[in-house]
Amino acid sequence: MCSTVWGGAVPSVHLSVSRVRVDNDELEPNVTTGDLEVREDRGLLTWSLTFVTADEPWHHGLGACQLLVEATGHRRLRGRAVLIRSDLGRWHYFQGAGELEGLDASEFDFLG
């Protein structure tokens, strides 16, 4: 898959996210919709996670954390990330900070 960005195309894959666990906290966010984007940019693999929560706002301090993500196709992915932004405890944006364990590079042309 390919996402178009200004000035060209950056190969990327989007996976729907159904569940997120942050730093093994007991209180998990109630994810209503989530998107895990994995992209290749100048030979480097990068990733980010955006999700929206329902019901009660979910709060976690900004900064580094460990994520466990359940995504499309019963995938369980794990990686270090940084919580960059959290708006009113409902919309959350994490930037990957290293490898994303559980991602099979053979599934995606640009990762292999």
PDB file of N, CA and C in Angstrom:
ATOM      1  N   MET A   1       0.839  -1.170   0.000  1.00  0.00           N
ATOM      2  CA  MET A   1       0.000   0.000   0.000  1.00  0.00           C
ATOM      3  C   MET A   1       0.885   1.234   0.000  1.00  0.00           C
ATOM      4  N   CYS A   2       0.331   2.320  -0.444  1.00  0.00           N
ATOM      5  CA  CYS A   2       1.118   3.542  -0.547  1.00  0.00           C
ATOM      6  C   CYS A   2       0.279   4.735  -0.119  1.00  0.00           C
ATOM      7  N   SER A   3       0.805   5.557   0.766  1.00  0.00           N
ATOM      8  CA  SER A   3       0.114   6.773   1.179  1.00  0.00           C
ATOM      9  C   SER A   3       0.766   7.949   0.483  1.00  0.00           C
ATOM     10  N   THR A   4      -0.020   8.831  -0.047  1.00  0.00           N
ATOM     11  CA  THR A   4       0.520   9.995  -0.732  1.00  0.00           C
ATOM     12  C   THR A   4       0.796  11.100   0.276  1.00  0.00           C
ATOM     13  N   VAL A   5       1.981  11.691   0.143  1.00  0.00           N
ATOM     14  CA  VAL A   5       2.352  12.839   0.978  1.00  0.00           C
ATOM     15  C   VAL A   5       2.804  13.951   0.051  1.00  0.00           C
ATOM     16  N   TRP A   6       2.887  15.177   0.561  1.00  0.00           N
ATOM     17  CA  TRP A   6       3.331  16.293  -0.269  1.00  0.00           C
ATOM     18  C   TRP A   6       4.692  15.991  -0.857  1.00  0.00           C
ATOM     19  N   GLY A   7       4.810  16.166  -2.163  1.00  0.00           N
ATOM     20  CA  GLY A   7       6.099  16.001  -2.823  1.00  0.00           C
ATOM     21  C   GLY A   7       6.409  14.579  -3.234  1.00  0.00           C
ATOM     22  N   GLY A   8       5.499  13.636  -3.088  1.00  0.00           N
ATOM     23  CA  GLY A   8       5.783  12.279  -3.519  1.00  0.00           C
ATOM     24  C   GLY A   8       5.047  11.260  -2.692  1.00  0.00           C
ATOM     25  N   ALA A   9       5.467  10.009  -2.856  1.00  0.00           N
ATOM     26  CA  ALA A   9       4.813   8.919  -2.147  1.00  0.00           C
ATOM     27  C   ALA A   9       5.795   8.257  -1.188  1.00  0.00           C
ATOM     28  N   VAL A  10       5.323   7.943  -0.013  1.00  0.00           N
ATOM     29  CA  VAL A  10       6.110   7.218   0.981  1.00  0.00           C
ATOM     30  C   VAL A  10       5.412   5.886   1.192  1.00  0.00           C
ATOM     31  N   PRO A  11       6.095   4.768   0.902  1.00  0.00           N
ATOM     32  CA  PRO A  11       5.454   3.467   1.105  1.00  0.00           C
ATOM     33  C   PRO A  11       5.027   3.308   2.565  1.00  0.00           C
ATOM     34  N   SER A  12       3.763   2.901   2.759  1.00  0.00           N
ATOM     35  CA  SER A  12       3.277   2.728   4.119  1.00  0.00           C
ATOM     36  C   SER A  12       2.193   1.666   4.172  1.00  0.00           C
ATOM     37  N   VAL A  13       1.989   1.152   5.369  1.00  0.00           N
ATOM     38  CA  VAL A  13       0.951   0.166   5.643  1.00  0.00           C
ATOM     39  C   VAL A  13       0.174   0.670   6.842  1.00  0.00           C
ATOM     40  N   HIS A  14      -1.146   0.586   6.771  1.00  0.00           N
ATOM     41  CA  HIS A  14      -2.014   0.971   7.880  1.00  0.00           C
ATOM     42  C   HIS A  14      -2.719  -0.265   8.409  1.00  0.00           C
ATOM     43  N   LEU A  15      -2.654  -0.467   9.712  1.00  0.00           N
ATOM     44  CA  LEU A  15      -3.347  -1.571  10.363  1.00  0.00           C
ATOM     45  C   LEU A  15      -4.366  -1.004  11.342  1.00  0.00           C
ATOM     46  N   SER A  16      -5.560  -1.555  11.337  1.00  0.00           N
ATOM     47  CA  SER A  16      -6.579  -1.148  12.310  1.00  0.00           C
ATOM     48  C   SER A  16      -6.208  -1.714  13.673  1.00  0.00           C
ATOM     49  N   VAL A  17      -6.360  -0.895  14.695  1.00  0.00           N
ATOM     50  CA  VAL A  17      -5.989  -1.281  16.057  1.00  0.00           C
ATOM     51  C   VAL A  17      -7.255  -1.458  16.886  1.00  0.00           C
ATOM     52  N   SER A  18      -7.327  -2.567  17.619  1.00  0.00           N
ATOM     53  CA  SER A  18      -8.508  -2.847  18.438  1.00  0.00           C
ATOM     54  C   SER A  18      -8.229  -2.739  19.933  1.00  0.00           C
ATOM     55  N   ARG A  19      -6.959  -2.877  20.312  1.00  0.00           N
ATOM     56  CA  ARG A  19      -6.621  -2.867  21.740  1.00  0.00           C
ATOM     57  C   ARG A  19      -5.197  -2.368  21.927  1.00  0.00           C
ATOM     58  N   VAL A  20      -4.995  -1.601  23.007  1.00  0.00           N
ATOM     59  CA  VAL A  20      -3.668  -1.059  23.328  1.00  0.00           C
ATOM     60  C   VAL A  20      -3.425  -1.214  24.817  1.00  0.00           C
ATOM     61  N   ARG A  21      -2.227  -1.615  25.155  1.00  0.00           N
ATOM     62  CA  ARG A  21      -1.805  -1.657  26.557  1.00  0.00           C
ATOM     63  C   ARG A  21      -0.526  -0.827  26.660  1.00  0.00           C
ATOM     64  N   VAL A  22      -0.474   0.065  27.633  1.00  0.00           N
ATOM     65  CA  VAL A  22       0.656   0.980  27.788  1.00  0.00           C
ATOM     66  C   VAL A  22       1.356   0.692  29.106  1.00  0.00           C
ATOM     67  N   ASP A  23       2.661   0.408  29.034  1.00  0.00           N
ATOM     68  CA  ASP A  23       3.478   0.158  30.230  1.00  0.00           C
ATOM     69  C   ASP A  23       2.855  -0.880  31.165  1.00  0.00           C
ATOM     70  N   ASN A  24       2.147  -1.856  30.617  1.00  0.00           N
ATOM     71  CA  ASN A  24       1.506  -2.913  31.421  1.00  0.00           C
ATOM     72  C   ASN A  24       0.557  -2.374  32.477  1.00  0.00           C
ATOM     73  N   ASP A  25       0.028  -1.165  32.255  1.00  0.00           N
ATOM     74  CA  ASP A  25      -0.954  -0.599  33.183  1.00  0.00           C
ATOM     75  C   ASP A  25      -2.193  -1.488  33.239  1.00  0.00           C
ATOM     76  N   GLU A  26      -2.789  -1.583  34.418  1.00  0.00           N
ATOM     77  CA  GLU A  26      -4.027  -2.346  34.553  1.00  0.00           C
ATOM     78  C   GLU A  26      -5.168  -1.670  33.810  1.00  0.00           C
ATOM     79  N   LEU A  27      -5.205  -0.347  33.854  1.00  0.00           N
ATOM     80  CA  LEU A  27      -6.254   0.406  33.185  1.00  0.00           C
ATOM     81  C   LEU A  27      -5.895   0.572  31.711  1.00  0.00           C
ATOM     82  N   GLU A  28      -6.645  -0.124  30.853  1.00  0.00           N
ATOM     83  CA  GLU A  28      -6.409  -0.025  29.419  1.00  0.00           C
ATOM     84  C   GLU A  28      -7.365   0.991  28.813  1.00  0.00           C
ATOM     85  N   PRO A  29      -6.901   1.716  27.798  1.00  0.00           N
ATOM     86  CA  PRO A  29      -7.820   2.626  27.117  1.00  0.00           C
ATOM     87  C   PRO A  29      -8.878   1.827  26.365  1.00  0.00           C
ATOM     88  N   ASN A  30     -10.109   2.339  26.328  1.00  0.00           N
ATOM     89  CA  ASN A  30     -11.195   1.717  25.584  1.00  0.00           C
ATOM     90  C   ASN A  30     -11.139   2.265  24.155  1.00  0.00           C
ATOM     91  N   VAL A  31     -10.418   1.569  23.295  1.00  0.00           N
ATOM     92  CA  VAL A  31     -10.165   2.041  21.932  1.00  0.00           C
ATOM     93  C   VAL A  31     -11.412   1.876  21.071  1.00  0.00           C
ATOM     94  N   THR A  32     -11.890   2.985  20.487  1.00  0.00           N
ATOM     95  CA  THR A  32     -13.015   2.895  19.559  1.00  0.00           C
ATOM     96  C   THR A  32     -12.511   2.794  18.125  1.00  0.00           C
ATOM     97  N   THR A  33     -11.437   3.485  17.830  1.00  0.00           N
ATOM     98  CA  THR A  33     -10.802   3.383  16.522  1.00  0.00           C
ATOM     99  C   THR A  33      -9.321   3.677  16.696  1.00  0.00           C
ATOM    100  N   GLY A  34      -8.508   2.941  15.960  1.00  0.00           N
ATOM    101  CA  GLY A  34      -7.075   3.146  16.056  1.00  0.00           C
ATOM    102  C   GLY A  34      -6.396   2.823  14.740  1.00  0.00           C
ATOM    103  N   ASP A  35      -5.271   3.479  14.489  1.00  0.00           N
ATOM    104  CA  ASP A  35      -4.519   3.289  13.253  1.00  0.00           C
ATOM    105  C   ASP A  35      -3.042   3.182  13.583  1.00  0.00           C
ATOM    106  N   LEU A  36      -2.440   2.083  13.160  1.00  0.00           N
ATOM    107  CA  LEU A  36      -1.001   1.896  13.282  1.00  0.00           C
ATOM    108  C   LEU A  36      -0.435   2.057  11.883  1.00  0.00           C
ATOM    109  N   GLU A  37       0.407   3.048  11.694  1.00  0.00           N
ATOM    110  CA  GLU A  37       1.017   3.286  10.385  1.00  0.00           C
ATOM    111  C   GLU A  37       2.488   2.905  10.452  1.00  0.00           C
ATOM    112  N   VAL A  38       2.891   2.028   9.531  1.00  0.00           N
ATOM    113  CA  VAL A  38       4.285   1.618   9.401  1.00  0.00           C
ATOM    114  C   VAL A  38       4.742   2.120   8.046  1.00  0.00           C
ATOM    115  N   ARG A  39       5.854   2.854   8.016  1.00  0.00           N
ATOM    116  CA  ARG A  39       6.320   3.414   6.756  1.00  0.00           C
ATOM    117  C   ARG A  39       7.832   3.300   6.620  1.00  0.00           C
ATOM    118  N   GLU A  40       8.253   3.353   5.382  1.00  0.00           N
ATOM    119  CA  GLU A  40       9.671   3.324   5.070  1.00  0.00           C
ATOM    120  C   GLU A  40      10.018   4.673   4.475  1.00  0.00           C
ATOM    121  N   ASP A  41      10.993   5.328   5.068  1.00  0.00           N
ATOM    122  CA  ASP A  41      11.389   6.650   4.607  1.00  0.00           C
ATOM    123  C   ASP A  41      12.911   6.701   4.536  1.00  0.00           C
ATOM    124  N   ARG A  42      13.435   6.835   3.338  1.00  0.00           N
ATOM    125  CA  ARG A  42      14.892   6.880   3.106  1.00  0.00           C
ATOM    126  C   ARG A  42      15.602   5.671   3.715  1.00  0.00           C
ATOM    127  N   GLY A  43      14.996   4.494   3.548  1.00  0.00           N
ATOM    128  CA  GLY A  43      15.614   3.263   4.008  1.00  0.00           C
ATOM    129  C   GLY A  43      15.384   2.931   5.469  1.00  0.00           C
ATOM    130  N   LEU A  44      14.697   3.798   6.202  1.00  0.00           N
ATOM    131  CA  LEU A  44      14.431   3.552   7.617  1.00  0.00           C
ATOM    132  C   LEU A  44      12.967   3.201   7.838  1.00  0.00           C
ATOM    133  N   LEU A  45      12.721   2.241   8.704  1.00  0.00           N
ATOM    134  CA  LEU A  45      11.362   1.863   9.064  1.00  0.00           C
ATOM    135  C   LEU A  45      10.923   2.696  10.265  1.00  0.00           C
ATOM    136  N   THR A  46       9.812   3.397  10.122  1.00  0.00           N
ATOM    137  CA  THR A  46       9.264   4.193  11.214  1.00  0.00           C
ATOM    138  C   THR A  46       7.807   3.803  11.409  1.00  0.00           C
ATOM    139  N   TRP A  47       7.270   4.120  12.571  1.00  0.00           N
ATOM    140  CA  TRP A  47       5.868   3.780  12.829  1.00  0.00           C
ATOM    141  C   TRP A  47       5.269   4.763  13.810  1.00  0.00           C
ATOM    142  N   SER A  48       3.944   4.853  13.754  1.00  0.00           N
ATOM    143  CA  SER A  48       3.211   5.704  14.686  1.00  0.00           C
ATOM    144  C   SER A  48       1.849   5.075  14.952  1.00  0.00           C
ATOM    145  N   LEU A  49       1.274   5.448  16.074  1.00  0.00           N
ATOM    146  CA  LEU A  49      -0.021   4.927  16.491  1.00  0.00           C
ATOM    147  C   LEU A  49      -0.905   6.092  16.896  1.00  0.00           C
ATOM    148  N   THR A  50      -2.107   6.113  16.346  1.00  0.00           N
ATOM    149  CA  THR A  50      -3.108   7.099  16.719  1.00  0.00           C
ATOM    150  C   THR A  50      -4.359   6.332  17.108  1.00  0.00           C
ATOM    151  N   PHE A  51      -4.953   6.696  18.242  1.00  0.00           N
ATOM    152  CA  PHE A  51      -6.230   6.073  18.579  1.00  0.00           C
ATOM    153  C   PHE A  51      -7.129   7.042  19.325  1.00  0.00           C
ATOM    154  N   VAL A  52      -8.425   6.725  19.267  1.00  0.00           N
ATOM    155  CA  VAL A  52      -9.464   7.506  19.935  1.00  0.00           C
ATOM    156  C   VAL A  52     -10.111   6.592  20.959  1.00  0.00           C
ATOM    157  N   THR A  53     -10.405   7.142  22.141  1.00  0.00           N
ATOM    158  CA  THR A  53     -11.039   6.354  23.198  1.00  0.00           C
ATOM    159  C   THR A  53     -12.498   6.762  23.371  1.00  0.00           C
ATOM    160  N   ALA A  54     -13.260   5.831  23.923  1.00  0.00           N
ATOM    161  CA  ALA A  54     -14.685   6.066  24.176  1.00  0.00           C
ATOM    162  C   ALA A  54     -14.925   6.195  25.670  1.00  0.00           C
ATOM    163  N   ASP A  55     -16.149   6.495  26.012  1.00  0.00           N
ATOM    164  CA  ASP A  55     -16.584   6.533  27.410  1.00  0.00           C
ATOM    165  C   ASP A  55     -15.718   7.478  28.225  1.00  0.00           C
ATOM    166  N   GLU A  56     -15.064   6.935  29.230  1.00  0.00           N
ATOM    167  CA  GLU A  56     -14.231   7.736  30.124  1.00  0.00           C
ATOM    168  C   GLU A  56     -12.930   8.148  29.433  1.00  0.00           C
ATOM    169  N   PRO A  57     -12.499   9.382  29.597  1.00  0.00           N
ATOM    170  CA  PRO A  57     -11.184   9.768  29.075  1.00  0.00           C
ATOM    171  C   PRO A  57     -10.093   8.908  29.701  1.00  0.00           C
ATOM    172  N   TRP A  58      -9.062   8.622  28.924  1.00  0.00           N
ATOM    173  CA  TRP A  58      -7.922   7.828  29.392  1.00  0.00           C
ATOM    174  C   TRP A  58      -6.703   8.738  29.421  1.00  0.00           C
ATOM    175  N   HIS A  59      -5.978   8.711  30.521  1.00  0.00           N
ATOM    176  CA  HIS A  59      -4.822   9.596  30.662  1.00  0.00           C
ATOM    177  C   HIS A  59      -3.567   8.789  30.982  1.00  0.00           C
ATOM    178  N   HIS A  60      -2.493   9.170  30.351  1.00  0.00           N
ATOM    179  CA  HIS A  60      -1.170   8.601  30.603  1.00  0.00           C
ATOM    180  C   HIS A  60      -0.199   9.746  30.386  1.00  0.00           C
ATOM    181  N   GLY A  61       0.797   9.830  31.204  1.00  0.00           N
ATOM    182  CA  GLY A  61       1.746  10.929  31.076  1.00  0.00           C
ATOM    183  C   GLY A  61       2.480  10.923  29.746  1.00  0.00           C
ATOM    184  N   LEU A  62       2.773  12.103  29.221  1.00  0.00           N
ATOM    185  CA  LEU A  62       3.545  12.215  27.993  1.00  0.00           C
ATOM    186  C   LEU A  62       4.933  11.654  28.218  1.00  0.00           C
ATOM    187  N   GLY A  63       5.541  11.162  27.146  1.00  0.00           N
ATOM    188  CA  GLY A  63       6.899  10.658  27.224  1.00  0.00           C
ATOM    189  C   GLY A  63       7.007   9.208  26.807  1.00  0.00           C
ATOM    190  N   ALA A  64       8.173   8.608  27.109  1.00  0.00           N
ATOM    191  CA  ALA A  64       8.493   7.248  26.679  1.00  0.00           C
ATOM    192  C   ALA A  64       7.634   6.207  27.386  1.00  0.00           C
ATOM    193  N   CYS A  65       7.311   5.139  26.646  1.00  0.00           N
ATOM    194  CA  CYS A  65       6.509   4.055  27.199  1.00  0.00           C
ATOM    195  C   CYS A  65       6.699   2.796  26.356  1.00  0.00           C
ATOM    196  N   GLN A  66       6.186   1.696  26.852  1.00  0.00           N
ATOM    197  CA  GLN A  66       6.178   0.418  26.136  1.00  0.00           C
ATOM    198  C   GLN A  66       4.746   0.146  25.700  1.00  0.00           C
ATOM    199  N   LEU A  67       4.535  -0.187  24.415  1.00  0.00           N
ATOM    200  CA  LEU A  67       3.198  -0.452  23.906  1.00  0.00           C
ATOM    201  C   LEU A  67       3.034  -1.915  23.523  1.00  0.00           C
ATOM    202  N   LEU A  68       1.882  -2.460  23.821  1.00  0.00           N
ATOM    203  CA  LEU A  68       1.449  -3.751  23.301  1.00  0.00           C
ATOM    204  C   LEU A  68       0.181  -3.439  22.522  1.00  0.00           C
ATOM    205  N   VAL A  69       0.189  -3.747  21.227  1.00  0.00           N
ATOM    206  CA  VAL A  69      -0.892  -3.363  20.322  1.00  0.00           C
ATOM    207  C   VAL A  69      -1.481  -4.605  19.675  1.00  0.00           C
ATOM    208  N   GLU A  70      -2.808  -4.703  19.704  1.00  0.00           N
ATOM    209  CA  GLU A  70      -3.494  -5.754  18.964  1.00  0.00           C
ATOM    210  C   GLU A  70      -4.114  -5.103  17.745  1.00  0.00           C
ATOM    211  N   ALA A  71      -3.760  -5.653  16.567  1.00  0.00           N
ATOM    212  CA  ALA A  71      -4.176  -5.040  15.305  1.00  0.00           C
ATOM    213  C   ALA A  71      -4.818  -6.068  14.389  1.00  0.00           C
ATOM    214  N   THR A  72      -5.209  -5.587  13.224  1.00  0.00           N
ATOM    215  CA  THR A  72      -5.838  -6.393  12.186  1.00  0.00           C
ATOM    216  C   THR A  72      -5.191  -7.774  12.062  1.00  0.00           C
ATOM    217  N   GLY A  73      -6.017  -8.782  11.903  1.00  0.00           N
ATOM    218  CA  GLY A  73      -5.507 -10.133  11.690  1.00  0.00           C
ATOM    219  C   GLY A  73      -4.934 -10.781  12.924  1.00  0.00           C
ATOM    220  N   HIS A  74      -5.410 -10.400  14.094  1.00  0.00           N
ATOM    221  CA  HIS A  74      -4.953 -10.957  15.369  1.00  0.00           C
ATOM    222  C   HIS A  74      -3.449 -10.773  15.583  1.00  0.00           C
ATOM    223  N   ARG A  75      -2.919  -9.687  15.075  1.00  0.00           N
ATOM    224  CA  ARG A  75      -1.496  -9.383  15.268  1.00  0.00           C
ATOM    225  C   ARG A  75      -1.291  -8.788  16.652  1.00  0.00           C
ATOM    226  N   ARG A  76      -0.239  -9.232  17.298  1.00  0.00           N
ATOM    227  CA  ARG A  76       0.182  -8.653  18.582  1.00  0.00           C
ATOM    228  C   ARG A  76       1.569  -8.073  18.354  1.00  0.00           C
ATOM    229  N   LEU A  77       1.656  -6.762  18.484  1.00  0.00           N
ATOM    230  CA  LEU A  77       2.898  -6.043  18.218  1.00  0.00           C
ATOM    231  C   LEU A  77       3.356  -5.342  19.487  1.00  0.00           C
ATOM    232  N   ARG A  78       4.654  -5.244  19.646  1.00  0.00           N
ATOM    233  CA  ARG A  78       5.209  -4.611  20.849  1.00  0.00           C
ATOM    234  C   ARG A  78       6.360  -3.699  20.441  1.00  0.00           C
ATOM    235  N   GLY A  79       6.417  -2.533  21.096  1.00  0.00           N
ATOM    236  CA  GLY A  79       7.517  -1.629  20.807  1.00  0.00           C
ATOM    237  C   GLY A  79       7.558  -0.452  21.766  1.00  0.00           C
ATOM    238  N   ARG A  80       8.718   0.178  21.812  1.00  0.00           N
ATOM    239  CA  ARG A  80       8.887   1.406  22.590  1.00  0.00           C
ATOM    240  C   ARG A  80       8.356   2.566  21.755  1.00  0.00           C
ATOM    241  N   ALA A  81       7.736   3.512  22.436  1.00  0.00           N
ATOM    242  CA  ALA A  81       7.180   4.679  21.750  1.00  0.00           C
ATOM    243  C   ALA A  81       7.207   5.865  22.699  1.00  0.00           C
ATOM    244  N   VAL A  82       6.872   7.002  22.147  1.00  0.00           N
ATOM    245  CA  VAL A  82       6.757   8.235  22.929  1.00  0.00           C
ATOM    246  C   VAL A  82       5.348   8.777  22.713  1.00  0.00           C
ATOM    247  N   LEU A  83       4.626   9.000  23.810  1.00  0.00           N
ATOM    248  CA  LEU A  83       3.318   9.636  23.706  1.00  0.00           C
ATOM    249  C   LEU A  83       3.572  11.122  23.467  1.00  0.00           C
ATOM    250  N   ILE A  84       3.259  11.558  22.263  1.00  0.00           N
ATOM    251  CA  ILE A  84       3.536  12.925  21.840  1.00  0.00           C
ATOM    252  C   ILE A  84       2.404  13.867  22.224  1.00  0.00           C
ATOM    253  N   ARG A  85       1.173  13.367  22.050  1.00  0.00           N
ATOM    254  CA  ARG A  85       0.021  14.241  22.291  1.00  0.00           C
ATOM    255  C   ARG A  85      -1.179  13.432  22.742  1.00  0.00           C
ATOM    256  N   SER A  86      -1.934  14.011  23.663  1.00  0.00           N
ATOM    257  CA  SER A  86      -3.172  13.416  24.143  1.00  0.00           C
ATOM    258  C   SER A  86      -4.151  14.557  24.383  1.00  0.00           C
ATOM    259  N   ASP A  87      -5.192  14.628  23.556  1.00  0.00           N
ATOM    260  CA  ASP A  87      -6.155  15.722  23.648  1.00  0.00           C
ATOM    261  C   ASP A  87      -7.372  15.317  24.467  1.00  0.00           C
ATOM    262  N   LEU A  88      -7.535  15.965  25.615  1.00  0.00           N
ATOM    263  CA  LEU A  88      -8.687  15.763  26.491  1.00  0.00           C
ATOM    264  C   LEU A  88      -8.889  14.298  26.888  1.00  0.00           C
ATOM    265  N   GLY A  89      -7.811  13.516  26.839  1.00  0.00           N
ATOM    266  CA  GLY A  89      -7.907  12.120  27.220  1.00  0.00           C
ATOM    267  C   GLY A  89      -8.675  11.263  26.231  1.00  0.00           C
ATOM    268  N   ARG A  90      -8.936  11.788  25.034  1.00  0.00           N
ATOM    269  CA  ARG A  90      -9.741  11.063  24.044  1.00  0.00           C
ATOM    270  C   ARG A  90      -8.965  10.706  22.774  1.00  0.00           C
ATOM    271  N   TRP A  91      -8.071  11.562  22.320  1.00  0.00           N
ATOM    272  CA  TRP A  91      -7.312  11.353  21.088  1.00  0.00           C
ATOM    273  C   TRP A  91      -5.841  11.291  21.469  1.00  0.00           C
ATOM    274  N   HIS A  92      -5.132  10.239  21.006  1.00  0.00           N
ATOM    275  CA  HIS A  92      -3.763   9.994  21.471  1.00  0.00           C
ATOM    276  C   HIS A  92      -2.850   9.686  20.280  1.00  0.00           C
ATOM    277  N   TYR A  93      -1.656  10.274  20.299  1.00  0.00           N
ATOM    278  CA  TYR A  93      -0.685  10.066  19.221  1.00  0.00           C
ATOM    279  C   TYR A  93       0.657   9.642  19.802  1.00  0.00           C
ATOM    280  N   PHE A  94       1.122   8.465  19.379  1.00  0.00           N
ATOM    281  CA  PHE A  94       2.411   7.924  19.796  1.00  0.00           C
ATOM    282  C   PHE A  94       3.326   7.833  18.577  1.00  0.00           C
ATOM    283  N   GLN A  95       4.592   8.165  18.766  1.00  0.00           N
ATOM    284  CA  GLN A  95       5.602   7.991  17.719  1.00  0.00           C
ATOM    285  C   GLN A  95       6.508   6.833  18.144  1.00  0.00           C
ATOM    286  N   GLY A  96       6.686   5.865  17.249  1.00  0.00           N
ATOM    287  CA  GLY A  96       7.555   4.729  17.545  1.00  0.00           C
ATOM    288  C   GLY A  96       8.971   5.180  17.850  1.00  0.00           C
ATOM    289  N   ALA A  97       9.621   4.461  18.777  1.00  0.00           N
ATOM    290  CA  ALA A  97      10.991   4.810  19.172  1.00  0.00           C
ATOM    291  C   ALA A  97      11.869   3.568  19.095  1.00  0.00           C
ATOM    292  N   GLY A  98      11.853   2.939  17.937  1.00  0.00           N
ATOM    293  CA  GLY A  98      12.649   1.727  17.752  1.00  0.00           C
ATOM    294  C   GLY A  98      11.853   0.672  17.008  1.00  0.00           C
ATOM    295  N   GLU A  99      12.321  -0.565  17.127  1.00  0.00           N
ATOM    296  CA  GLU A  99      11.696  -1.676  16.419  1.00  0.00           C
ATOM    297  C   GLU A  99      10.272  -1.936  16.879  1.00  0.00           C
ATOM    298  N   LEU A 100       9.506  -2.527  15.981  1.00  0.00           N
ATOM    299  CA  LEU A 100       8.152  -2.951  16.273  1.00  0.00           C
ATOM    300  C   LEU A 100       8.138  -4.473  16.191  1.00  0.00           C
ATOM    301  N   GLU A 101       8.257  -5.130  17.337  1.00  0.00           N
ATOM    302  CA  GLU A 101       8.313  -6.591  17.391  1.00  0.00           C
ATOM    303  C   GLU A 101       6.980  -7.190  16.964  1.00  0.00           C
ATOM    304  N   GLY A 102       7.053  -8.287  16.221  1.00  0.00           N
ATOM    305  CA  GLY A 102       5.854  -8.975  15.782  1.00  0.00           C
ATOM    306  C   GLY A 102       5.441  -8.611  14.377  1.00  0.00           C
ATOM    307  N   LEU A 103       6.159  -7.700  13.749  1.00  0.00           N
ATOM    308  CA  LEU A 103       5.869  -7.299  12.384  1.00  0.00           C
ATOM    309  C   LEU A 103       6.677  -8.195  11.455  1.00  0.00           C
ATOM    310  N   ASP A 104       6.021  -8.874  10.551  1.00  0.00           N
ATOM    311  CA  ASP A 104       6.669  -9.776   9.604  1.00  0.00           C
ATOM    312  C   ASP A 104       6.974  -9.006   8.326  1.00  0.00           C
ATOM    313  N   ALA A 105       8.264  -8.744   8.094  1.00  0.00           N
ATOM    314  CA  ALA A 105       8.679  -7.924   6.947  1.00  0.00           C
ATOM    315  C   ALA A 105       8.267  -8.552   5.620  1.00  0.00           C
ATOM    316  N   SER A 106       8.126  -9.859   5.565  1.00  0.00           N
ATOM    317  CA  SER A 106       7.766 -10.507   4.303  1.00  0.00           C
ATOM    318  C   SER A 106       6.343 -10.166   3.852  1.00  0.00           C
ATOM    319  N   GLU A 107       5.518  -9.642   4.755  1.00  0.00           N
ATOM    320  CA  GLU A 107       4.150  -9.262   4.400  1.00  0.00           C
ATOM    321  C   GLU A 107       4.088  -7.989   3.571  1.00  0.00           C
ATOM    322  N   PHE A 108       5.129  -7.197   3.647  1.00  0.00           N
ATOM    323  CA  PHE A 108       5.121  -5.881   3.033  1.00  0.00           C
ATOM    324  C   PHE A 108       6.331  -5.742   2.113  1.00  0.00           C
ATOM    325  N   ASP A 109       6.085  -5.449   0.847  1.00  0.00           N
ATOM    326  CA  ASP A 109       7.164  -5.349  -0.142  1.00  0.00           C
ATOM    327  C   ASP A 109       8.268  -4.411   0.297  1.00  0.00           C
ATOM    328  N   PHE A 110       7.902  -3.254   0.827  1.00  0.00           N
ATOM    329  CA  PHE A 110       8.913  -2.252   1.125  1.00  0.00           C
ATOM    330  C   PHE A 110       9.715  -2.570   2.378  1.00  0.00           C
ATOM    331  N   LEU A 111       9.275  -3.538   3.216  1.00  0.00           N
ATOM    332  CA  LEU A 111      10.004  -3.867   4.439  1.00  0.00           C
ATOM    333  C   LEU A 111      11.100  -4.905   4.188  1.00  0.00           C
ATOM    334  N   GLY A 112      10.997  -5.632   3.128  1.00  0.00           N
ATOM    335  CA  GLY A 112      11.938  -6.731   2.866  1.00  0.00           C
ATOM    336  C   GLY A 112      13.062  -6.300   2.080  1.00  0.00           C
TER     337      GLY A 112
END
